[in-house]
Amino acid sequence: MEPNQERIARIASSTGATDQEARVLYHLGEASEAWNKLPSRKPRWPEAMRFSVYYRALVDMVLARIARRDHPEGWKPPRDAEGQDLPPQS
């Protein structure tokens, strides 16, 4: 199935994501929808909770990347073991 380019463009414009970041968010959303369509197993709650935690963590990683890029003044630079600033990642 081909990705929905309009949906990816909407994700990019509404979040400030790059095209690649928007694609990651799109595919995470697709994975979540597919997961929720799986047949129920008893008990499903612990399994669903685990999926939700990991899904949210992955989405948050992408959103934090966007926020750090768009608002660098709000983030301390990463430091190495000696406390020296690390060069920015592209």
N, C-alpha and C. Protein backbone atom coordinates (compact mmCIF):
# COMPACT_ATOMS: atom_id res chain seq x y z
N MET A 1 0.84 -1.18 0.00
CA MET A 1 0.00 0.00 0.00
C MET A 1 0.89 1.25 0.00
N GLU A 2 0.60 2.16 -0.89
CA GLU A 2 1.36 3.40 -1.01
C GLU A 2 0.98 4.37 0.12
N PRO A 3 1.96 5.10 0.65
CA PRO A 3 1.65 6.10 1.67
C PRO A 3 0.75 7.19 1.12
N ASN A 4 -0.09 7.72 1.96
CA ASN A 4 -0.99 8.81 1.59
C ASN A 4 -0.21 10.12 1.65
N GLN A 5 0.18 10.62 0.48
CA GLN A 5 1.03 11.81 0.40
C GLN A 5 0.35 13.06 0.97
N GLU A 6 -0.96 13.16 0.80
CA GLU A 6 -1.68 14.31 1.35
C GLU A 6 -1.64 14.30 2.87
N ARG A 7 -1.81 13.13 3.44
CA ARG A 7 -1.76 13.00 4.91
C ARG A 7 -0.35 13.33 5.42
N ILE A 8 0.67 12.88 4.72
CA ILE A 8 2.05 13.17 5.11
C ILE A 8 2.29 14.68 5.04
N ALA A 9 1.80 15.32 4.00
CA ALA A 9 1.96 16.77 3.86
C ALA A 9 1.24 17.51 4.99
N ARG A 10 0.05 17.03 5.37
CA ARG A 10 -0.68 17.66 6.49
C ARG A 10 0.08 17.50 7.79
N ILE A 11 0.66 16.32 8.00
CA ILE A 11 1.46 16.09 9.22
C ILE A 11 2.64 17.06 9.24
N ALA A 12 3.32 17.19 8.11
CA ALA A 12 4.47 18.09 8.03
C ALA A 12 4.07 19.53 8.32
N SER A 13 2.97 19.99 7.71
CA SER A 13 2.58 21.39 7.89
C SER A 13 2.03 21.67 9.29
N SER A 14 1.40 20.69 9.92
CA SER A 14 0.82 20.94 11.24
C SER A 14 1.82 20.76 12.38
N THR A 15 2.94 20.07 12.12
CA THR A 15 3.91 19.83 13.19
C THR A 15 5.24 20.54 12.98
N GLY A 16 5.48 21.02 11.78
CA GLY A 16 6.79 21.59 11.47
C GLY A 16 7.82 20.53 11.14
N ALA A 17 7.36 19.31 10.91
CA ALA A 17 8.26 18.20 10.60
C ALA A 17 8.81 18.33 9.19
N THR A 18 10.00 17.78 9.00
CA THR A 18 10.53 17.64 7.64
C THR A 18 9.71 16.55 6.96
N ASP A 19 9.92 16.39 5.66
CA ASP A 19 9.21 15.34 4.94
C ASP A 19 9.54 13.96 5.54
N GLN A 20 10.81 13.73 5.85
CA GLN A 20 11.19 12.43 6.42
C GLN A 20 10.58 12.22 7.80
N GLU A 21 10.57 13.25 8.64
CA GLU A 21 9.96 13.13 9.97
C GLU A 21 8.46 12.89 9.85
N ALA A 22 7.83 13.60 8.91
CA ALA A 22 6.39 13.40 8.70
C ALA A 22 6.10 11.98 8.23
N ARG A 23 6.97 11.42 7.41
CA ARG A 23 6.80 10.03 6.97
C ARG A 23 6.90 9.06 8.15
N VAL A 24 7.84 9.32 9.05
CA VAL A 24 7.97 8.47 10.24
C VAL A 24 6.68 8.55 11.06
N LEU A 25 6.18 9.77 11.31
CA LEU A 25 4.95 9.93 12.07
C LEU A 25 3.77 9.27 11.36
N TYR A 26 3.72 9.39 10.05
CA TYR A 26 2.66 8.75 9.27
C TYR A 26 2.69 7.24 9.47
N HIS A 27 3.87 6.64 9.32
CA HIS A 27 3.97 5.19 9.44
C HIS A 27 3.72 4.71 10.88
N LEU A 28 4.09 5.52 11.85
CA LEU A 28 3.75 5.16 13.24
C LEU A 28 2.23 5.16 13.41
N GLY A 29 1.57 6.13 12.81
CA GLY A 29 0.10 6.17 12.87
C GLY A 29 -0.52 4.96 12.18
N GLU A 30 0.05 4.59 11.03
CA GLU A 30 -0.44 3.40 10.31
C GLU A 30 -0.24 2.14 11.17
N ALA A 31 0.90 2.05 11.82
CA ALA A 31 1.17 0.89 12.68
C ALA A 31 0.17 0.83 13.84
N SER A 32 -0.15 1.97 14.41
CA SER A 32 -1.11 2.02 15.50
C SER A 32 -2.49 1.58 15.04
N GLU A 33 -2.90 2.07 13.88
CA GLU A 33 -4.20 1.67 13.34
C GLU A 33 -4.25 0.18 13.06
N ALA A 34 -3.18 -0.36 12.49
CA ALA A 34 -3.12 -1.80 12.20
C ALA A 34 -3.15 -2.61 13.50
N TRP A 35 -2.43 -2.15 14.50
CA TRP A 35 -2.41 -2.83 15.79
C TRP A 35 -3.82 -2.91 16.38
N ASN A 36 -4.53 -1.79 16.32
CA ASN A 36 -5.87 -1.74 16.91
C ASN A 36 -6.88 -2.60 16.15
N LYS A 37 -6.56 -2.99 14.94
CA LYS A 37 -7.45 -3.85 14.16
C LYS A 37 -7.16 -5.34 14.35
N LEU A 38 -6.08 -5.64 15.06
CA LEU A 38 -5.77 -7.06 15.31
C LEU A 38 -6.88 -7.69 16.13
N PRO A 39 -7.14 -8.98 15.89
CA PRO A 39 -8.17 -9.65 16.69
C PRO A 39 -7.80 -9.63 18.17
N SER A 40 -8.80 -9.49 18.99
CA SER A 40 -8.59 -9.44 20.44
C SER A 40 -8.11 -10.76 20.98
N ARG A 41 -7.20 -10.65 21.92
CA ARG A 41 -6.77 -11.82 22.68
C ARG A 41 -7.11 -11.53 24.12
N LYS A 42 -7.37 -12.53 24.88
CA LYS A 42 -7.70 -12.34 26.30
C LYS A 42 -6.49 -12.66 27.14
N PRO A 43 -6.10 -11.86 28.09
CA PRO A 43 -6.49 -10.46 28.25
C PRO A 43 -5.66 -9.57 27.33
N ARG A 44 -6.29 -8.62 26.71
CA ARG A 44 -5.61 -7.74 25.77
C ARG A 44 -5.02 -6.51 26.46
N TRP A 45 -5.55 -6.13 27.61
CA TRP A 45 -5.15 -4.88 28.23
C TRP A 45 -3.64 -4.75 28.43
N PRO A 46 -2.93 -5.73 29.03
CA PRO A 46 -1.48 -5.53 29.23
C PRO A 46 -0.74 -5.37 27.90
N GLU A 47 -1.14 -6.11 26.90
CA GLU A 47 -0.51 -6.04 25.58
C GLU A 47 -0.76 -4.66 24.95
N ALA A 48 -1.98 -4.19 25.03
CA ALA A 48 -2.34 -2.88 24.46
C ALA A 48 -1.62 -1.76 25.21
N MET A 49 -1.50 -1.88 26.50
CA MET A 49 -0.81 -0.88 27.29
C MET A 49 0.67 -0.80 26.90
N ARG A 50 1.29 -1.95 26.73
CA ARG A 50 2.70 -2.00 26.32
C ARG A 50 2.88 -1.34 24.95
N PHE A 51 2.00 -1.68 24.01
CA PHE A 51 2.09 -1.07 22.68
C PHE A 51 1.95 0.44 22.79
N SER A 52 1.00 0.90 23.56
CA SER A 52 0.75 2.32 23.72
C SER A 52 1.96 3.06 24.28
N VAL A 53 2.62 2.47 25.25
CA VAL A 53 3.81 3.09 25.85
C VAL A 53 4.91 3.23 24.82
N TYR A 54 5.19 2.18 24.07
CA TYR A 54 6.26 2.22 23.06
C TYR A 54 5.90 3.15 21.90
N TYR A 55 4.65 3.11 21.47
CA TYR A 55 4.20 3.99 20.40
C TYR A 55 4.39 5.45 20.81
N ARG A 56 3.92 5.79 22.01
CA ARG A 56 4.02 7.16 22.49
C ARG A 56 5.48 7.60 22.59
N ALA A 57 6.35 6.70 23.04
CA ALA A 57 7.77 7.03 23.16
C ALA A 57 8.37 7.35 21.79
N LEU A 58 8.02 6.58 20.78
CA LEU A 58 8.54 6.82 19.43
C LEU A 58 8.03 8.15 18.86
N VAL A 59 6.75 8.41 19.04
CA VAL A 59 6.19 9.69 18.57
C VAL A 59 6.87 10.84 19.30
N ASP A 60 7.03 10.71 20.61
CA ASP A 60 7.66 11.77 21.40
C ASP A 60 9.09 12.03 20.95
N MET A 61 9.82 10.98 20.55
CA MET A 61 11.19 11.17 20.06
C MET A 61 11.20 12.05 18.81
N VAL A 62 10.27 11.80 17.91
CA VAL A 62 10.22 12.61 16.68
C VAL A 62 9.81 14.04 17.01
N LEU A 63 8.81 14.20 17.88
CA LEU A 63 8.35 15.55 18.23
C LEU A 63 9.43 16.33 18.98
N ALA A 64 10.20 15.66 19.83
CA ALA A 64 11.29 16.34 20.53
C ALA A 64 12.36 16.80 19.53
N ARG A 65 12.61 16.00 18.53
CA ARG A 65 13.58 16.36 17.49
C ARG A 65 13.13 17.64 16.78
N ILE A 66 11.84 17.72 16.47
CA ILE A 66 11.28 18.90 15.81
C ILE A 66 11.39 20.11 16.74
N ALA A 67 11.02 19.94 18.00
CA ALA A 67 11.06 21.04 18.95
C ALA A 67 12.48 21.55 19.16
N ARG A 68 13.45 20.63 19.25
CA ARG A 68 14.85 21.05 19.42
C ARG A 68 15.34 21.85 18.22
N ARG A 69 14.91 21.45 17.05
CA ARG A 69 15.33 22.16 15.84
C ARG A 69 14.67 23.53 15.75
N ASP A 70 13.37 23.59 16.05
CA ASP A 70 12.62 24.84 15.90
C ASP A 70 12.83 25.81 17.06
N HIS A 71 13.20 25.29 18.22
CA HIS A 71 13.38 26.13 19.42
C HIS A 71 14.65 25.74 20.15
N PRO A 72 15.81 25.92 19.51
CA PRO A 72 17.06 25.47 20.13
C PRO A 72 17.38 26.17 21.44
N GLU A 73 16.85 27.38 21.61
CA GLU A 73 17.13 28.11 22.85
C GLU A 73 16.52 27.43 24.08
N GLY A 74 15.56 26.57 23.87
CA GLY A 74 14.90 25.89 24.99
C GLY A 74 15.56 24.58 25.39
N TRP A 75 16.67 24.23 24.76
CA TRP A 75 17.31 22.94 25.01
C TRP A 75 18.78 23.14 25.33
N LYS A 76 19.22 22.49 26.36
CA LYS A 76 20.65 22.51 26.66
C LYS A 76 21.36 21.64 25.63
N PRO A 77 22.54 22.06 25.20
CA PRO A 77 23.25 21.22 24.22
C PRO A 77 23.72 19.91 24.87
N PRO A 78 23.76 18.83 24.10
CA PRO A 78 24.26 17.58 24.66
C PRO A 78 25.74 17.73 25.01
N ARG A 79 26.17 17.03 26.04
CA ARG A 79 27.55 17.13 26.50
C ARG A 79 28.19 15.75 26.52
N ASP A 80 29.52 15.75 26.37
CA ASP A 80 30.25 14.50 26.44
C ASP A 80 30.57 14.18 27.91
N ALA A 81 31.32 13.12 28.14
CA ALA A 81 31.63 12.69 29.50
C ALA A 81 32.41 13.74 30.28
N GLU A 82 33.17 14.60 29.60
CA GLU A 82 33.95 15.65 30.27
C GLU A 82 33.15 16.94 30.45
N GLY A 83 31.90 16.95 30.01
CA GLY A 83 31.07 18.14 30.16
C GLY A 83 31.19 19.14 29.03
N GLN A 84 31.86 18.77 27.95
CA GLN A 84 32.01 19.66 26.81
C GLN A 84 30.82 19.52 25.86
N ASP A 85 30.37 20.64 25.30
CA ASP A 85 29.26 20.60 24.35
C ASP A 85 29.62 19.71 23.15
N LEU A 86 28.68 18.89 22.75
CA LEU A 86 28.85 18.07 21.55
C LEU A 86 28.41 18.88 20.34
N PRO A 87 28.98 18.63 19.17
CA PRO A 87 28.55 19.36 17.97
C PRO A 87 27.10 19.01 17.63
N PRO A 88 26.34 19.96 17.05
CA PRO A 88 24.95 19.67 16.69
C PRO A 88 24.87 18.57 15.65
N GLN A 89 23.81 17.77 15.76
CA GLN A 89 23.57 16.72 14.77
C GLN A 89 22.67 17.27 13.68
N SER A 90 22.93 16.85 12.46
CA SER A 90 22.08 17.33 11.36
C SER A 90 20.98 16.37 11.09
